[in-house]
Structures are given as structure tokens and as C-alpha cells.
Amino acid sequence: MKIRDKLTIIYSLSTAFILAVLSLYIYFYFSHFRKTEFYRRLADRNDITEKVFVENDILAPDVYQQLKERFLNNLPNEKEDIHPIRKENISVLKAKLQQAYPDSFIEEILEKGYAEFERGNVQGVGQKYSINRGDFIVIVTAVDELGREKLRALKYILLSTFPVSILIIVVIGRLDANKAFAPVSKIINKVNRIKASSLHLRLDVKNSNDEIGQLAQTFNQLLDRLETSFESQRNFISNASHELRNPLTAIMGETEITLLNERNANEYKKALRTVYREAERLNDIVNNLLLLTNTEDNSIPKEEVRLDELLMDSITLIKRSNPHQEINFEATEYPDDPSKMMVWGNYSLLQMTLTNIIQNGIKFSNKMPIKVKLEFGDQTIQIKVEDKGIGIPNEDIKKIVQPFYRSENARSFKGFGIGLSLAQKIMHLHKGTLDIHSVENNGTTVTLTFKSIIIEN
């Protein structure tokens, strides 16, 4: 069952329940009002009866009867009952009245002076009067046929209109549900039109403050991330294909040329050395791809690593393969607390990150002097690697960390375009950041920011 159908049912049932309660309230209210109004009329007749039959000096019975027939509406089955109260016969009076009226009704008249009763269709009012001639009980009874007829008419009206009202409520509920879910239907239709080839499409957001608008905004943000991911994937496949195709083309070309004619041993060795170099290059690319995949795993082992020692070890390692390379090391004042120089991390991965960045600076500056800075803050540690090389074009800075992406001015340099991407993934695993500031033809500064171990703890 669809949500809109469920809402229609809930809306209809809840409204029907409210309507039923309201109908019952109206019925019982008018029933109570009818009784109260009829009791008031009976009380008025009681007073008139007392004036005529008890206080004989005001009106004679025949005059009262004439006035009643001419000016008063006769109540159906109206009866007047008058009894004098004498102390010596009060028990006899009670017994006599209780044969015709409810016991509690008679008791209440004698105790409180006024009482009402209802038995079947008959209603009655009794009242005790005290005059000079003594005490009297006056009881007037009648049947409220007009009120009962009106109440029956009201009941028929409510019962006949209830099913019609339910039908109207269901129709209105359905229309309201359709109207409420119209934006959702539009979203569904729009989303169904979005495919991998049309990830640029976005949902319309008419009101960002309601739930539908927030849903559309959230979905648009998801599309933004998907579009970025798909774009990165396309770039990755394009660049990876280019890097893989070069060594494969070289291997295939070398073997094809070698097989065209008979060669001597030296020529075969030379061809095999070429094939080996290209295969080794291909192997390096594959290993880097595997390394990129492994850095997605957050379960890598970590330990306490002192960054200044790690940095010095990385510089020493680079010096072994580049003994003539000038690397200038600078450091701010070392903190008194050794924990401010420590981070939680994987030593090998962090060393790989540092060596990649420093070697990039050496490579793209044609082995010009490199400056490495170590800066300690209260809660962070920063390592900055500065070079005066070819720099990175401004439009390529955001793309440079994508796997295999290489700027046009870096195509002539040996490499695969994986180093910075790998470094960024490693920094992400260590909850650090990698920032690049570069000016084309004027050098690049790469800043690695770590949280000290006091924050990690």
C-alpha cells in the first residue's frame, strides 16, 4: 500500500472519529437541553397550578381552565396532583405518593422542596409550597412529545448525513494526499530521468524550509558528490589508461621489431633489456594502484610516531639516492612537552608521504635547493616543503591530487601522477590535511598538517 493511501485512510478514520464524537455530543447536548427546557415548563405549570388550586383567592379553577385553553399550550398528557401535608398523616401521604411516583422523587421533594423525575416518556416536577393555610405538594407531569419528535428528527439527520460526510471526507482526504505528495511525485519523476550520462540535472527546490525542500536539497548534494566521483573516475580511467598504454606500446613495439628479422645475441639482449625496463615501469604502476587501494583500509596498524625524527629519517633516505641535492631544514622552537611532537600513525606510510613530496620538489625544480620547515603549534604540527620549480597552473591545483592526473607542464618529467593522490589518502587516514599553494613558474609549497597526540587522545 502506498503512503498516500495510508495517509488517506488515517485522515479519513481520524476525521470520521471526530465527526462521530461531534455528532454524539450534539445529540446528547440537545437531549439534555430538551429535558432541561421541558422541566422548566413543568416548573412554570407547577407555579400556576399552585396559584390556582392552592391559593384559591387569586383565580378560580374554571377561570384557570379557560385561561389555559386560550393562552397556554396544553402539554400532552398533562396532569396536576395536589396534596396537603399534615404531620399526623405524612407517612400515609408518602406511601400513597410512592405508589404513583419514584421513592427518591418523593423523598427529595420533602427534604429539599423541589424534585424532578423521568419514567419512560413521562417527566414530572414536584414542589413543596408553604402558605398561611399550611404546606402543600404540587406535582405536574406530562409527555414531551414535541421534544422527542425533534430529537428523533435530529437523530435521523445525523445518521443519514454521516455516511455522506464520510464519503466527502474520503474524497477530500484523497485530494489532500495527492496535493501533499505532488512534490514527491515530481521528485520521483525527475530522479527517474537522471542517469549516469545526465548527472548534471538537479531537483527543483521551491521551499528550502519544509521537509520536501530539504529532501530535494539533500538529494542534490548527493548528486554533486556522485557527479564529482564520476568525473574523478573518468579522469582516473583516462589517465591510468594513458600511463598503462605507454609501457605496453613500447613492449609490443620492441618485440614486434625484434621478431621481424634474425638478430644476434647482443641485439636480443638489448631488446630484452628494453622490454624489462618497460615491464618494470608497468609493474610500478600496478603496485601504486594496489597501494592506492590499500590506503582505503582504516584498519592499518598505528603507533606513536615522533614527526621530527620521521622527517630527518626521510631526508636522510633521500640524500642516499641524491647525495648532491641541497635540502635546507628549518624548525621552530621545540616544545617542552614531547607529546606535542608525537602523532598516531603508520610509520611506513607517513615516510612514504614525506619522501614522495620532497622528491616531487626535487624533480620539478630540476634539483634546485629544497626548503623543509617543521612548525610546532599548541595542538598541531606542520611540515612545509617549498621548491622553486615549474609550479602548478591555477586551474590544475584542485585536480592535481587525482590519481594519474598530470599538468601539461609536467608531462616531460618522468612519473605516473600517483604521488600526491597517495599522499592525500595517507593524510586522510591519519586525520590530517594536505594543502598545496603554487604559482606557475615560481614554485610550489606543500603543507602537511597533523594533530598532535594530545588531541588524538
Protein backbone atom coordinates (compact mmCIF):
# COMPACT_ATOMS: atom_id res chain seq x y z
CA MET A 1 0.00 0.00 0.00
CA LYS A 2 1.32 3.42 -0.94
CA ILE A 3 2.00 6.03 1.71
CA ARG A 4 -0.59 8.38 0.22
CA ASP A 5 -3.23 5.62 0.54
CA LYS A 6 -2.24 5.06 4.16
CA LEU A 7 -2.46 8.78 4.84
CA THR A 8 -5.87 8.92 3.16
CA ILE A 9 -7.12 6.08 5.39
CA ILE A 10 -5.65 7.64 8.55
CA TYR A 11 -7.05 11.06 7.62
CA SER A 12 -10.50 9.60 6.87
CA LEU A 13 -10.63 7.46 10.01
CA SER A 14 -9.48 10.26 12.29
CA THR A 15 -11.91 12.75 10.74
CA ALA A 16 -14.74 10.18 10.88
CA PHE A 17 -13.96 9.57 14.55
CA ILE A 18 -14.05 13.30 15.26
CA LEU A 19 -17.28 13.65 13.29
CA ALA A 20 -18.85 10.72 15.19
CA VAL A 21 -17.83 12.19 18.55
CA LEU A 22 -19.17 15.58 17.49
CA SER A 23 -22.47 14.03 16.34
CA LEU A 24 -22.86 12.19 19.65
CA TYR A 25 -22.05 15.38 21.52
CA ILE A 26 -24.70 17.32 19.53
CA TYR A 27 -27.28 14.58 20.08
CA PHE A 28 -26.72 14.29 23.82
CA TYR A 29 -26.45 18.06 24.21
CA PHE A 30 -29.84 18.63 22.59
CA SER A 31 -31.28 15.68 24.53
CA HIS A 32 -30.13 17.28 27.77
CA PHE A 33 -31.30 20.70 26.59
CA ARG A 34 -34.72 19.24 25.72
CA LYS A 35 -35.12 17.71 29.16
CA THR A 36 -33.98 20.85 30.94
CA GLU A 37 -36.31 23.04 28.89
CA PHE A 38 -39.29 20.72 29.47
CA TYR A 39 -38.57 20.61 33.21
CA ARG A 40 -38.60 24.42 33.22
CA ARG A 41 -42.01 24.43 31.51
CA LEU A 42 -43.30 21.89 34.01
CA ALA A 43 -41.97 24.05 36.87
CA ASP A 44 -43.86 27.05 35.42
CA ARG A 45 -47.06 24.96 35.26
CA ASN A 46 -46.35 23.92 38.82
CA ASP A 47 -46.32 27.54 39.93
CA ILE A 48 -49.51 28.30 38.03
CA THR A 49 -51.25 25.25 39.50
CA GLU A 50 -50.21 26.30 42.97
CA LYS A 51 -51.60 29.79 42.42
CA VAL A 52 -54.95 28.48 41.15
CA PHE A 53 -55.66 25.45 43.29
CA VAL A 54 -53.75 26.23 46.46
CA GLU A 55 -54.17 29.98 46.70
CA ASN A 56 -57.91 29.97 45.81
CA ASP A 57 -58.21 33.65 46.43
CA ILE A 58 -56.33 34.53 43.21
CA LEU A 59 -58.11 32.54 40.44
CA ALA A 60 -60.99 30.10 40.40
CA PRO A 61 -60.43 26.69 38.74
CA ASP A 62 -62.88 27.36 35.94
CA VAL A 63 -61.17 30.67 35.16
CA TYR A 64 -57.77 28.93 35.16
CA GLN A 65 -59.09 26.29 32.77
CA GLN A 66 -60.37 28.97 30.39
CA LEU A 67 -57.04 30.84 30.50
CA LYS A 68 -55.11 27.59 30.00
CA GLU A 69 -57.12 26.62 26.93
CA ARG A 70 -56.94 30.13 25.46
CA PHE A 71 -53.46 31.34 26.20
CA LEU A 72 -51.30 28.36 27.26
CA ASN A 73 -50.12 25.46 25.12
CA ASN A 74 -51.53 22.29 26.57
CA LEU A 75 -48.81 19.79 27.34
CA PRO A 76 -49.52 16.22 26.14
CA ASN A 77 -50.97 14.02 28.90
CA GLU A 78 -50.58 16.87 31.41
CA LYS A 79 -51.74 16.01 34.95
CA GLU A 80 -51.74 18.07 38.14
CA ASP A 81 -51.58 16.41 41.54
CA ILE A 82 -52.01 18.45 44.76
CA HIS A 83 -51.67 17.07 48.30
CA PRO A 84 -51.73 18.89 51.64
CA ILE A 85 -49.00 17.95 54.11
CA ARG A 86 -50.05 17.26 57.71
CA LYS A 87 -47.69 16.00 60.34
CA GLU A 88 -50.11 13.33 61.54
CA ASN A 89 -50.56 11.76 58.07
CA ILE A 90 -47.15 12.34 56.44
CA SER A 91 -46.26 8.65 56.44
CA VAL A 92 -49.59 7.81 54.83
CA LEU A 93 -49.02 10.55 52.24
CA LYS A 94 -45.55 9.21 51.42
CA ALA A 95 -46.86 5.69 50.98
CA LYS A 96 -49.68 6.92 48.75
CA LEU A 97 -47.42 9.09 46.55
CA GLN A 98 -44.72 6.40 46.26
CA GLN A 99 -47.27 4.14 44.64
CA ALA A 100 -47.57 6.59 41.75
CA TYR A 101 -44.11 8.19 41.70
CA PRO A 102 -40.49 7.08 42.34
CA ASP A 103 -39.48 6.83 46.01
CA SER A 104 -36.44 9.07 45.59
CA PHE A 105 -38.60 11.72 43.89
CA ILE A 106 -40.97 11.96 46.87
CA GLU A 107 -38.09 11.91 49.39
CA GLU A 108 -36.33 14.76 47.55
CA ILE A 109 -39.49 16.91 47.49
CA LEU A 110 -39.98 16.51 51.23
CA GLU A 111 -36.29 17.13 52.04
CA LYS A 112 -35.32 19.82 49.51
CA GLY A 113 -38.66 21.21 48.45
CA TYR A 114 -38.14 20.56 44.73
CA ALA A 115 -37.51 17.43 42.61
CA GLU A 116 -37.64 16.16 39.04
CA PHE A 117 -38.17 12.67 37.65
CA GLU A 118 -38.45 10.82 34.36
CA ARG A 119 -40.09 7.43 33.89
CA GLY A 120 -40.37 6.17 30.34
CA ASN A 121 -41.85 9.01 28.27
CA VAL A 122 -43.28 10.79 31.30
CA GLN A 123 -41.47 13.67 33.01
CA GLY A 124 -42.57 15.33 36.18
CA VAL A 125 -41.77 18.20 38.54
CA GLY A 126 -42.76 18.30 42.19
CA GLN A 127 -42.52 21.23 44.57
CA LYS A 128 -43.48 21.93 48.16
CA TYR A 129 -45.30 25.22 48.87
CA SER A 130 -45.92 26.86 52.24
CA ILE A 131 -48.80 29.32 52.64
CA ASN A 132 -50.99 30.54 55.51
CA ARG A 133 -53.26 27.52 55.25
CA GLY A 134 -50.34 25.07 55.54
CA ASP A 135 -47.88 23.11 53.36
CA PHE A 136 -48.79 21.53 50.04
CA ILE A 137 -47.11 19.32 47.47
CA VAL A 138 -47.86 20.14 43.83
CA ILE A 139 -46.80 17.64 41.16
CA VAL A 140 -47.22 18.25 37.42
CA THR A 141 -46.49 15.51 34.88
CA ALA A 142 -46.61 15.45 31.08
CA VAL A 143 -45.09 13.85 27.98
CA ASP A 144 -42.68 15.92 25.84
CA GLU A 145 -43.87 14.57 22.52
CA LEU A 146 -42.69 17.60 20.54
CA GLY A 147 -39.19 17.45 22.04
CA ARG A 148 -38.93 13.73 21.44
CA GLU A 149 -40.05 14.20 17.85
CA LYS A 150 -37.40 16.87 17.33
CA LEU A 151 -34.77 14.62 18.92
CA ARG A 152 -35.76 11.71 16.63
CA ALA A 153 -35.54 14.04 13.62
CA LEU A 154 -32.08 15.15 14.76
CA LYS A 155 -31.00 11.51 15.14
CA TYR A 156 -32.21 10.65 11.63
CA ILE A 157 -30.47 13.71 10.20
CA LEU A 158 -27.16 12.79 11.89
CA LEU A 159 -27.39 9.11 10.87
CA SER A 160 -28.29 9.93 7.26
CA THR A 161 -25.63 12.60 6.83
CA PHE A 162 -22.85 10.56 8.49
CA PRO A 163 -22.21 8.17 5.51
CA VAL A 164 -22.36 11.09 3.08
CA SER A 165 -19.91 13.01 5.26
CA ILE A 166 -17.56 10.00 5.36
CA LEU A 167 -17.63 9.79 1.56
CA ILE A 168 -16.88 13.51 1.26
CA ILE A 169 -14.08 13.16 3.83
CA VAL A 170 -12.51 10.26 1.87
CA VAL A 171 -12.62 12.29 -1.36
CA ILE A 172 -11.17 15.37 0.33
CA GLY A 173 -8.54 13.23 2.07
CA ARG A 174 -7.53 11.68 -1.23
CA LEU A 175 -7.28 15.09 -2.90
CA ASP A 176 -5.25 16.47 0.02
CA ALA A 177 -2.94 13.43 -0.03
CA ASN A 178 -2.41 13.80 -3.78
CA LYS A 179 -1.71 17.50 -3.34
CA ALA A 180 0.67 16.86 -0.45
CA PHE A 181 2.54 14.16 -2.40
CA ALA A 182 2.59 16.04 -5.70
CA PRO A 183 6.11 17.43 -4.99
CA VAL A 184 7.28 13.90 -4.09
CA SER A 185 5.87 12.56 -7.37
CA LYS A 186 7.71 15.30 -9.25
CA ILE A 187 10.92 14.38 -7.43
CA ILE A 188 10.44 10.70 -8.31
CA ASN A 189 9.81 11.51 -11.98
CA LYS A 190 12.83 13.82 -12.11
CA VAL A 191 15.07 11.30 -10.34
CA ASN A 192 14.00 8.57 -12.78
CA ARG A 193 15.28 10.77 -15.63
CA ILE A 194 18.72 11.17 -14.03
CA LYS A 195 21.21 8.67 -15.38
CA ALA A 196 24.98 8.35 -15.42
CA SER A 197 25.05 10.46 -18.59
CA SER A 198 22.87 13.22 -17.07
CA LEU A 199 24.24 13.66 -13.56
CA HIS A 200 24.27 17.42 -14.16
CA LEU A 201 20.47 17.53 -13.68
CA ARG A 202 19.22 18.79 -10.32
CA LEU A 203 15.91 18.76 -8.47
CA ASP A 204 13.92 21.98 -8.12
CA VAL A 205 13.82 23.37 -4.57
CA LYS A 206 10.79 25.63 -4.10
CA ASN A 207 10.83 25.89 -0.31
CA SER A 208 14.04 25.00 1.45
CA ASN A 209 12.39 25.24 4.88
CA ASP A 210 9.97 22.31 4.54
CA GLU A 211 10.76 18.59 4.52
CA ILE A 212 10.27 18.20 0.75
CA GLY A 213 12.67 21.06 0.06
CA GLN A 214 15.23 19.63 2.47
CA LEU A 215 14.87 16.21 0.80
CA ALA A 216 15.48 17.79 -2.63
CA GLN A 217 18.50 19.70 -1.29
CA THR A 218 19.94 16.54 0.26
CA PHE A 219 19.47 14.64 -3.00
CA ASN A 220 21.09 17.49 -4.95
CA GLN A 221 24.08 17.32 -2.61
CA LEU A 222 24.25 13.57 -3.22
CA LEU A 223 24.18 14.23 -6.97
CA ASP A 224 27.01 16.76 -6.55
CA ARG A 225 29.11 14.11 -4.82
CA LEU A 226 28.21 11.47 -7.40
CA GLU A 227 29.00 13.81 -10.28
CA THR A 228 32.37 14.66 -8.72
CA SER A 229 33.04 10.96 -8.11
CA PHE A 230 32.08 10.01 -11.69
CA GLU A 231 34.21 12.83 -13.06
CA SER A 232 37.16 11.70 -10.95
CA GLN A 233 36.60 8.13 -12.09
CA ARG A 234 36.52 9.18 -15.74
CA ASN A 235 39.71 11.17 -15.28
CA PHE A 236 41.30 8.27 -13.40
CA ILE A 237 40.43 5.78 -16.15
CA SER A 238 41.58 8.17 -18.85
CA ASN A 239 44.91 8.97 -17.16
CA ALA A 240 45.50 5.39 -15.98
CA SER A 241 44.83 4.09 -19.49
CA HIS A 242 47.31 6.58 -20.87
CA GLU A 243 50.01 5.60 -18.35
CA LEU A 244 49.41 1.86 -18.87
CA ARG A 245 49.29 2.16 -22.64
CA ASN A 246 52.76 3.74 -22.92
CA PRO A 247 54.79 0.80 -21.49
CA LEU A 248 52.54 -1.75 -23.21
CA THR A 249 53.02 0.02 -26.55
CA ALA A 250 56.77 0.12 -26.01
CA ILE A 251 56.88 -3.61 -25.13
CA MET A 252 54.74 -4.60 -28.10
CA GLY A 253 56.70 -2.37 -30.48
CA GLU A 254 60.07 -3.61 -29.31
CA THR A 255 59.09 -7.28 -29.54
CA GLU A 256 57.47 -6.79 -32.96
CA ILE A 257 60.58 -5.11 -34.39
CA THR A 258 62.87 -7.73 -32.85
CA LEU A 259 60.84 -10.58 -34.34
CA LEU A 260 60.87 -9.17 -37.87
CA ASN A 261 64.41 -10.42 -38.56
CA GLU A 262 67.00 -12.75 -37.13
CA ARG A 263 69.17 -10.96 -34.52
CA ASN A 264 72.44 -11.71 -32.86
CA ALA A 265 72.71 -12.34 -29.11
CA ASN A 266 73.62 -8.74 -28.24
CA GLU A 267 70.61 -7.33 -30.11
CA TYR A 268 68.29 -9.82 -28.38
CA LYS A 269 69.75 -8.80 -25.01
CA LYS A 270 69.28 -5.14 -25.85
CA ALA A 271 65.63 -5.74 -26.83
CA LEU A 272 65.02 -7.77 -23.67
CA ARG A 273 66.53 -5.02 -21.53
CA THR A 274 64.11 -2.54 -23.16
CA VAL A 275 61.18 -4.89 -22.56
CA TYR A 276 62.33 -5.40 -18.95
CA ARG A 277 62.51 -1.66 -18.29
CA GLU A 278 59.01 -1.11 -19.66
CA ALA A 279 57.67 -4.14 -17.77
CA GLU A 280 59.29 -2.79 -14.61
CA ARG A 281 57.59 0.54 -15.26
CA LEU A 282 54.29 -1.26 -15.77
CA ASN A 283 54.86 -3.16 -12.52
CA ASP A 284 55.46 0.10 -10.66
CA ILE A 285 52.15 1.47 -11.95
CA VAL A 286 50.28 -1.66 -10.86
CA ASN A 287 51.94 -1.62 -7.43
CA ASN A 288 51.00 2.02 -6.98
CA LEU A 289 47.41 1.21 -7.92
CA LEU A 290 47.36 -1.57 -5.30
CA LEU A 291 48.85 0.83 -2.78
CA LEU A 292 46.11 3.36 -3.54
CA THR A 293 43.53 0.66 -2.89
CA ASN A 294 45.14 -0.43 0.38
CA THR A 295 45.15 3.11 1.74
CA GLU A 296 41.35 2.98 1.80
CA ASP A 297 41.58 0.50 4.67
CA ASN A 298 41.17 2.22 8.05
CA SER A 299 42.42 -0.87 9.93
CA ILE A 300 46.12 -0.16 9.24
CA PRO A 301 48.29 -0.53 12.37
CA LYS A 302 49.25 2.74 14.09
CA GLU A 303 51.74 3.67 16.75
CA GLU A 304 53.27 6.73 18.36
CA VAL A 305 55.46 8.48 15.78
CA ARG A 306 57.73 11.41 16.53
CA LEU A 307 57.47 13.64 13.47
CA ASP A 308 60.83 15.40 13.74
CA GLU A 309 62.66 12.07 13.79
CA LEU A 310 60.49 10.74 10.95
CA LEU A 311 61.27 13.84 8.88
CA MET A 312 65.02 13.56 9.48
CA ASP A 313 64.94 9.84 8.55
CA SER A 314 63.08 10.69 5.32
CA ILE A 315 65.61 13.42 4.40
CA THR A 316 68.49 11.01 5.11
CA LEU A 317 66.84 8.38 2.88
CA ILE A 318 66.50 10.87 0.03
CA LYS A 319 70.10 12.03 0.44
CA ARG A 320 71.33 8.50 -0.18
CA SER A 321 69.89 8.49 -3.70
CA ASN A 322 70.55 12.24 -4.23
CA PRO A 323 73.86 12.89 -2.41
CA HIS A 324 74.39 16.27 -4.08
CA GLN A 325 70.85 17.55 -3.53
CA GLU A 326 70.65 20.58 -1.22
CA ILE A 327 67.81 20.23 1.32
CA ASN A 328 67.59 23.09 3.85
CA PHE A 329 65.87 22.10 7.08
CA GLU A 330 64.31 24.64 9.46
CA ALA A 331 62.35 24.09 12.67
CA THR A 332 60.60 26.34 15.14
CA GLU A 333 61.39 26.11 18.84
CA TYR A 334 60.79 22.60 20.07
CA PRO A 335 58.00 22.31 22.67
CA ASP A 336 58.81 21.27 26.25
CA ASP A 337 56.12 18.57 26.16
CA PRO A 338 57.38 15.69 23.96
CA SER A 339 53.79 14.58 23.28
CA LYS A 340 53.30 17.76 21.22
CA MET A 341 55.82 16.34 18.72
CA MET A 342 54.07 12.96 18.51
CA VAL A 343 51.22 11.70 16.31
CA TRP A 344 49.32 8.44 15.98
CA GLY A 345 50.25 6.91 12.65
CA ASN A 346 51.79 4.25 10.48
CA TYR A 347 55.49 4.97 10.22
CA SER A 348 56.00 3.44 6.76
CA LEU A 349 53.03 5.23 5.16
CA LEU A 350 53.99 8.58 6.68
CA GLN A 351 57.57 8.17 5.48
CA MET A 352 56.30 7.32 2.01
CA THR A 353 54.24 10.53 2.05
CA LEU A 354 57.18 12.72 3.06
CA THR A 355 59.62 11.16 0.60
CA ASN A 356 57.11 11.45 -2.27
CA ILE A 357 56.52 15.16 -1.62
CA ILE A 358 60.21 16.01 -1.14
CA GLN A 359 61.19 14.01 -4.25
CA ASN A 360 58.47 15.81 -6.24
CA GLY A 361 60.00 19.12 -5.18
CA ILE A 362 63.45 17.93 -6.27
CA LYS A 363 62.16 16.55 -9.59
CA PHE A 364 60.04 19.52 -10.67
CA SER A 365 62.66 22.10 -9.65
CA ASN A 366 65.44 20.36 -11.62
CA LYS A 367 67.28 19.56 -8.37
CA MET A 368 67.34 23.15 -7.15
CA PRO A 369 67.61 23.64 -3.35
CA ILE A 370 64.56 22.48 -1.37
CA LYS A 371 63.39 24.02 1.89
CA VAL A 372 61.72 21.84 4.54
CA LYS A 373 60.10 23.55 7.58
CA LEU A 374 58.87 21.92 10.78
CA GLU A 375 56.48 24.08 12.82
CA PHE A 376 55.00 23.17 16.21
CA GLY A 377 51.73 24.65 17.42
CA ASP A 378 49.77 24.13 20.62
CA GLN A 379 47.66 21.37 19.09
CA THR A 380 49.05 20.81 15.58
CA ILE A 381 52.30 20.05 13.79
CA GLN A 382 53.00 21.32 10.26
CA ILE A 383 55.58 20.20 7.71
CA LYS A 384 56.11 22.52 4.74
CA VAL A 385 58.06 21.56 1.63
CA GLU A 386 58.96 24.50 -0.61
CA ASP A 387 60.58 24.42 -4.04
CA LYS A 388 61.32 26.95 -6.80
CA GLY A 389 60.31 24.71 -9.65
CA ILE A 390 57.84 24.88 -12.52
CA GLY A 391 54.81 25.30 -10.28
CA ILE A 392 51.26 24.17 -10.97
CA PRO A 393 48.78 26.09 -13.15
CA ASN A 394 45.98 27.54 -11.03
CA GLU A 395 43.25 25.61 -12.87
CA ASP A 396 45.05 22.29 -12.16
CA ILE A 397 45.59 22.66 -8.40
CA LYS A 398 42.25 21.01 -7.49
CA LYS A 399 42.78 18.20 -9.99
CA ILE A 400 46.42 17.50 -9.18
CA VAL A 401 45.54 15.11 -6.33
CA GLN A 402 43.50 12.89 -8.67
CA PRO A 403 45.25 9.59 -9.49
CA PHE A 404 47.32 9.76 -12.70
CA TYR A 405 46.43 13.41 -13.33
CA ARG A 406 49.39 15.44 -14.55
CA SER A 407 49.55 19.07 -15.57
CA GLU A 408 50.62 19.90 -19.09
CA ASN A 409 53.87 21.50 -17.89
CA ALA A 410 54.74 18.25 -16.03
CA ARG A 411 54.31 15.85 -18.97
CA SER A 412 58.01 15.99 -19.84
CA PHE A 413 59.02 14.78 -16.35
CA LYS A 414 59.19 11.10 -15.52
CA GLY A 415 56.38 9.87 -13.27
CA PHE A 416 52.92 8.40 -13.07
CA GLY A 417 50.87 11.14 -11.33
CA ILE A 418 50.17 9.00 -8.27
CA GLY A 419 52.39 10.54 -5.57
CA LEU A 420 50.15 13.42 -4.45
CA SER A 421 46.99 11.31 -4.66
CA LEU A 422 48.63 8.68 -2.48
CA ALA A 423 49.88 11.33 -0.04
CA GLN A 424 46.43 12.84 0.32
CA LYS A 425 44.86 9.43 1.04
CA ILE A 426 47.51 8.68 3.67
CA MET A 427 46.93 12.08 5.31
CA HIS A 428 43.18 11.39 5.34
CA LEU A 429 43.82 8.07 7.12
CA HIS A 430 45.82 9.98 9.74
CA LYS A 431 43.12 12.67 10.15
CA GLY A 432 45.48 15.24 8.71
CA THR A 433 45.29 17.63 5.77
CA LEU A 434 47.37 18.26 2.66
CA ASP A 435 47.32 21.79 1.20
CA ILE A 436 49.00 22.95 -1.98
CA HIS A 437 49.93 26.53 -2.80
CA SER A 438 51.61 27.08 -6.13
CA VAL A 439 52.40 29.78 -8.67
CA GLU A 440 53.25 28.64 -12.18
CA ASN A 441 56.97 29.04 -12.97
CA ASN A 442 57.56 30.29 -9.42
CA GLY A 443 57.47 27.18 -7.25
CA THR A 444 55.17 25.14 -5.03
CA THR A 445 54.60 24.83 -1.27
CA VAL A 446 53.01 21.64 0.08
CA THR A 447 51.81 21.83 3.71
CA LEU A 448 51.07 18.72 5.78
CA THR A 449 49.10 19.40 8.97
CA PHE A 450 48.88 16.78 11.74
CA LYS A 451 47.04 16.71 15.06
CA SER A 452 49.43 16.15 17.92
CA ILE A 453 48.95 13.08 20.08
CA ILE A 454 47.46 15.13 22.95
CA ILE A 455 44.48 15.89 20.66
CA GLU A 456 44.24 12.32 19.34
CA ASN A 457 43.99 11.08 22.92
